[in-house]
Amino acid sequence: MGRKLAREELFKLLFEAELNDANPVDVLDGFLEREETVLKKPEEEFIRSYVLGIGKKKDEIKKVIEDNMENWSFDRIGNVEKVLLQFAVYEILDGEVGHEIVVNEAVELAKIYGDEKSHEFINGVLAKIIKKLG
């Protein structure tokens, strides 16, 4: 499957949790057990580790996002944007994946799942975060 598709599955899981106002950790097992979710072991481990990591750092991630949006609050942005920014910021803070890859994949998912301008918004916020982090 690869990381790109694993990120898309992660997006779907986090989006489901966001829509249902549920903890992603609580959604995780049910999501992974679904018939339509076909993951190899490395992708399942990737998703599991990201869900747990995002859950642990949720407040820090939200603060980083809020500190880098102009004229927007976290609660005011759409669910697609919230989810994409959360896991992209988690990856940026984690530092294991290059920033260019994180931004590119978040922007590509925004083009698929977001509104017409979602990808521009995501790109702008993530660029600002990366610039501040140095």
C-alpha atoms as a PDB file:
ATOM      1  CA  MET A   1       0.000   0.000   0.000  1.00  0.00           C
ATOM      2  CA  GLY A   2       2.683   2.506   0.917  1.00  0.00           C
ATOM      3  CA  ARG A   3       2.772   5.569   3.091  1.00  0.00           C
ATOM      4  CA  LYS A   4       0.796   7.777   0.713  1.00  0.00           C
ATOM      5  CA  LEU A   5      -2.237   5.484   0.840  1.00  0.00           C
ATOM      6  CA  ALA A   6      -1.714   4.885   4.562  1.00  0.00           C
ATOM      7  CA  ARG A   7      -1.929   8.655   5.082  1.00  0.00           C
ATOM      8  CA  GLU A   8      -5.187   8.711   3.156  1.00  0.00           C
ATOM      9  CA  GLU A   9      -6.573   5.958   5.391  1.00  0.00           C
ATOM     10  CA  LEU A  10      -5.322   7.881   8.431  1.00  0.00           C
ATOM     11  CA  PHE A  11      -7.144  10.946   7.114  1.00  0.00           C
ATOM     12  CA  LYS A  12     -10.372   8.936   6.777  1.00  0.00           C
ATOM     13  CA  LEU A  13     -10.068   7.590  10.321  1.00  0.00           C
ATOM     14  CA  LEU A  14      -9.338  11.013  11.826  1.00  0.00           C
ATOM     15  CA  PHE A  15     -12.120  12.583   9.762  1.00  0.00           C
ATOM     16  CA  GLU A  16     -14.606  10.007  11.051  1.00  0.00           C
ATOM     17  CA  ALA A  17     -13.523  10.741  14.615  1.00  0.00           C
ATOM     18  CA  GLU A  18     -13.822  14.505  14.030  1.00  0.00           C
ATOM     19  CA  LEU A  19     -17.320  14.198  12.546  1.00  0.00           C
ATOM     20  CA  ASN A  20     -18.503  12.042  15.442  1.00  0.00           C
ATOM     21  CA  ASP A  21     -16.689  14.113  18.067  1.00  0.00           C
ATOM     22  CA  ALA A  22     -14.944  10.911  19.139  1.00  0.00           C
ATOM     23  CA  ASN A  23     -11.459  10.164  20.334  1.00  0.00           C
ATOM     24  CA  PRO A  24      -9.499   8.741  17.348  1.00  0.00           C
ATOM     25  CA  VAL A  25      -8.084   6.028  19.612  1.00  0.00           C
ATOM     26  CA  ASP A  26     -11.644   4.837  20.240  1.00  0.00           C
ATOM     27  CA  VAL A  27     -12.356   4.747  16.484  1.00  0.00           C
ATOM     28  CA  LEU A  28      -9.082   3.000  15.600  1.00  0.00           C
ATOM     29  CA  ASP A  29      -9.842  -0.681  16.238  1.00  0.00           C
ATOM     30  CA  GLY A  30     -13.249  -0.570  14.576  1.00  0.00           C
ATOM     31  CA  PHE A  31     -11.762   1.234  11.582  1.00  0.00           C
ATOM     32  CA  LEU A  32      -8.977  -1.308  11.159  1.00  0.00           C
ATOM     33  CA  GLU A  33     -11.411  -4.221  11.392  1.00  0.00           C
ATOM     34  CA  ARG A  34     -13.634  -3.022   8.534  1.00  0.00           C
ATOM     35  CA  GLU A  35     -13.745  -5.142   5.437  1.00  0.00           C
ATOM     36  CA  GLU A  36     -12.966  -2.211   3.146  1.00  0.00           C
ATOM     37  CA  THR A  37      -9.861  -1.308   5.150  1.00  0.00           C
ATOM     38  CA  VAL A  38      -7.169  -3.474   3.601  1.00  0.00           C
ATOM     39  CA  LEU A  39      -3.830  -2.675   5.182  1.00  0.00           C
ATOM     40  CA  LYS A  40      -0.551  -4.482   5.389  1.00  0.00           C
ATOM     41  CA  LYS A  41       1.166  -4.696   8.760  1.00  0.00           C
ATOM     42  CA  PRO A  42       3.518  -1.695   8.208  1.00  0.00           C
ATOM     43  CA  GLU A  43       0.636   0.577   7.199  1.00  0.00           C
ATOM     44  CA  GLU A  44      -1.484  -0.565  10.124  1.00  0.00           C
ATOM     45  CA  GLU A  45       1.422   0.125  12.501  1.00  0.00           C
ATOM     46  CA  PHE A  46       1.948   3.540  10.876  1.00  0.00           C
ATOM     47  CA  ILE A  47      -1.713   4.470  11.365  1.00  0.00           C
ATOM     48  CA  ARG A  48      -1.805   3.109  14.917  1.00  0.00           C
ATOM     49  CA  SER A  49       1.340   5.011  15.946  1.00  0.00           C
ATOM     50  CA  TYR A  50       0.077   8.255  14.382  1.00  0.00           C
ATOM     51  CA  VAL A  51      -3.343   8.012  16.023  1.00  0.00           C
ATOM     52  CA  LEU A  52      -1.725   7.406  19.419  1.00  0.00           C
ATOM     53  CA  GLY A  53       0.848  10.164  18.857  1.00  0.00           C
ATOM     54  CA  ILE A  54      -1.731  12.690  17.707  1.00  0.00           C
ATOM     55  CA  GLY A  55      -3.899  11.788  20.691  1.00  0.00           C
ATOM     56  CA  LYS A  56      -1.035  12.431  23.108  1.00  0.00           C
ATOM     57  CA  LYS A  57      -0.052  15.750  21.494  1.00  0.00           C
ATOM     58  CA  LYS A  58      -3.500  17.016  20.507  1.00  0.00           C
ATOM     59  CA  ASP A  59      -3.350  20.189  22.624  1.00  0.00           C
ATOM     60  CA  GLU A  60       0.177  21.049  21.450  1.00  0.00           C
ATOM     61  CA  ILE A  61      -0.785  20.423  17.818  1.00  0.00           C
ATOM     62  CA  LYS A  62      -3.914  22.567  18.120  1.00  0.00           C
ATOM     63  CA  LYS A  63      -1.906  25.419  19.660  1.00  0.00           C
ATOM     64  CA  VAL A  64       0.678  25.298  16.858  1.00  0.00           C
ATOM     65  CA  ILE A  65      -2.108  25.436  14.276  1.00  0.00           C
ATOM     66  CA  GLU A  66      -3.952  28.289  16.007  1.00  0.00           C
ATOM     67  CA  ASP A  67      -0.738  30.283  16.403  1.00  0.00           C
ATOM     68  CA  ASN A  68      -0.159  30.112  12.652  1.00  0.00           C
ATOM     69  CA  MET A  69      -3.574  31.001  11.255  1.00  0.00           C
ATOM     70  CA  GLU A  70      -4.431  34.615  10.584  1.00  0.00           C
ATOM     71  CA  ASN A  71      -8.038  35.701  11.077  1.00  0.00           C
ATOM     72  CA  TRP A  72      -9.140  32.113  11.741  1.00  0.00           C
ATOM     73  CA  SER A  73      -9.670  30.021  14.832  1.00  0.00           C
ATOM     74  CA  PHE A  74      -9.242  26.269  14.943  1.00  0.00           C
ATOM     75  CA  ASP A  75     -12.922  25.764  15.750  1.00  0.00           C
ATOM     76  CA  ARG A  76     -13.963  27.827  12.726  1.00  0.00           C
ATOM     77  CA  ILE A  77     -12.142  25.865  10.032  1.00  0.00           C
ATOM     78  CA  GLY A  78     -13.695  22.888   8.251  1.00  0.00           C
ATOM     79  CA  ASN A  79     -13.287  19.307   9.379  1.00  0.00           C
ATOM     80  CA  VAL A  80     -11.163  18.379   6.359  1.00  0.00           C
ATOM     81  CA  GLU A  81      -8.760  21.210   7.113  1.00  0.00           C
ATOM     82  CA  LYS A  82      -8.661  20.413  10.847  1.00  0.00           C
ATOM     83  CA  VAL A  83      -7.784  16.797  10.225  1.00  0.00           C
ATOM     84  CA  LEU A  84      -5.181  17.462   7.536  1.00  0.00           C
ATOM     85  CA  LEU A  85      -3.500  20.160   9.602  1.00  0.00           C
ATOM     86  CA  GLN A  86      -3.469  17.990  12.718  1.00  0.00           C
ATOM     87  CA  PHE A  87      -1.682  15.046  11.198  1.00  0.00           C
ATOM     88  CA  ALA A  88       0.602  17.212   9.060  1.00  0.00           C
ATOM     89  CA  VAL A  89       1.650  19.232  12.113  1.00  0.00           C
ATOM     90  CA  TYR A  90       2.176  16.006  14.034  1.00  0.00           C
ATOM     91  CA  GLU A  91       4.515  14.802  11.282  1.00  0.00           C
ATOM     92  CA  ILE A  92       6.334  18.132  11.135  1.00  0.00           C
ATOM     93  CA  LEU A  93       6.861  18.180  14.907  1.00  0.00           C
ATOM     94  CA  ASP A  94       7.888  14.519  14.857  1.00  0.00           C
ATOM     95  CA  GLY A  95      10.598  15.364  12.343  1.00  0.00           C
ATOM     96  CA  GLU A  96      10.987  11.895  10.850  1.00  0.00           C
ATOM     97  CA  VAL A  97       9.508  12.842   7.470  1.00  0.00           C
ATOM     98  CA  GLY A  98      10.794  15.693   5.331  1.00  0.00           C
ATOM     99  CA  HIS A  99       8.679  18.826   5.456  1.00  0.00           C
ATOM    100  CA  GLU A 100       8.266  18.875   1.674  1.00  0.00           C
ATOM    101  CA  ILE A 101       6.711  15.402   1.717  1.00  0.00           C
ATOM    102  CA  VAL A 102       4.371  16.270   4.593  1.00  0.00           C
ATOM    103  CA  VAL A 103       3.158  19.449   2.904  1.00  0.00           C
ATOM    104  CA  ASN A 104       2.815  17.822  -0.504  1.00  0.00           C
ATOM    105  CA  GLU A 105       0.756  14.920   0.787  1.00  0.00           C
ATOM    106  CA  ALA A 106      -1.492  17.136   2.919  1.00  0.00           C
ATOM    107  CA  VAL A 107      -2.062  19.461  -0.047  1.00  0.00           C
ATOM    108  CA  GLU A 108      -2.848  16.526  -2.361  1.00  0.00           C
ATOM    109  CA  LEU A 109      -5.397  15.161   0.114  1.00  0.00           C
ATOM    110  CA  ALA A 110      -6.910  18.645   0.450  1.00  0.00           C
ATOM    111  CA  LYS A 111      -7.360  18.774  -3.328  1.00  0.00           C
ATOM    112  CA  ILE A 112      -9.238  15.458  -3.204  1.00  0.00           C
ATOM    113  CA  TYR A 113     -11.335  15.907  -0.059  1.00  0.00           C
ATOM    114  CA  GLY A 114     -11.463  19.636   0.590  1.00  0.00           C
ATOM    115  CA  ASP A 115     -13.107  22.653  -0.936  1.00  0.00           C
ATOM    116  CA  GLU A 116     -11.754  24.552  -3.907  1.00  0.00           C
ATOM    117  CA  LYS A 117      -9.341  26.623  -1.802  1.00  0.00           C
ATOM    118  CA  SER A 118      -8.569  24.095   0.957  1.00  0.00           C
ATOM    119  CA  HIS A 119      -5.210  23.142  -0.510  1.00  0.00           C
ATOM    120  CA  GLU A 120      -4.080  26.779  -0.573  1.00  0.00           C
ATOM    121  CA  PHE A 121      -5.123  27.265   3.049  1.00  0.00           C
ATOM    122  CA  ILE A 122      -3.343  24.069   4.152  1.00  0.00           C
ATOM    123  CA  ASN A 123      -0.218  25.013   2.218  1.00  0.00           C
ATOM    124  CA  GLY A 124      -0.150  28.514   3.711  1.00  0.00           C
ATOM    125  CA  VAL A 125      -0.579  27.408   7.324  1.00  0.00           C
ATOM    126  CA  LEU A 126       1.996  24.617   7.030  1.00  0.00           C
ATOM    127  CA  ALA A 127       4.505  26.936   5.294  1.00  0.00           C
ATOM    128  CA  LYS A 128       4.158  29.417   8.140  1.00  0.00           C
ATOM    129  CA  ILE A 129       4.668  26.679  10.746  1.00  0.00           C
ATOM    130  CA  ILE A 130       7.771  25.327   8.988  1.00  0.00           C
ATOM    131  CA  LYS A 131       9.213  28.832   8.647  1.00  0.00           C
ATOM    132  CA  LYS A 132       8.752  29.495  12.374  1.00  0.00           C
ATOM    133  CA  LEU A 133      10.319  26.180  13.300  1.00  0.00           C
ATOM    134  CA  GLY A 134      13.333  26.981  11.126  1.00  0.00           C
END
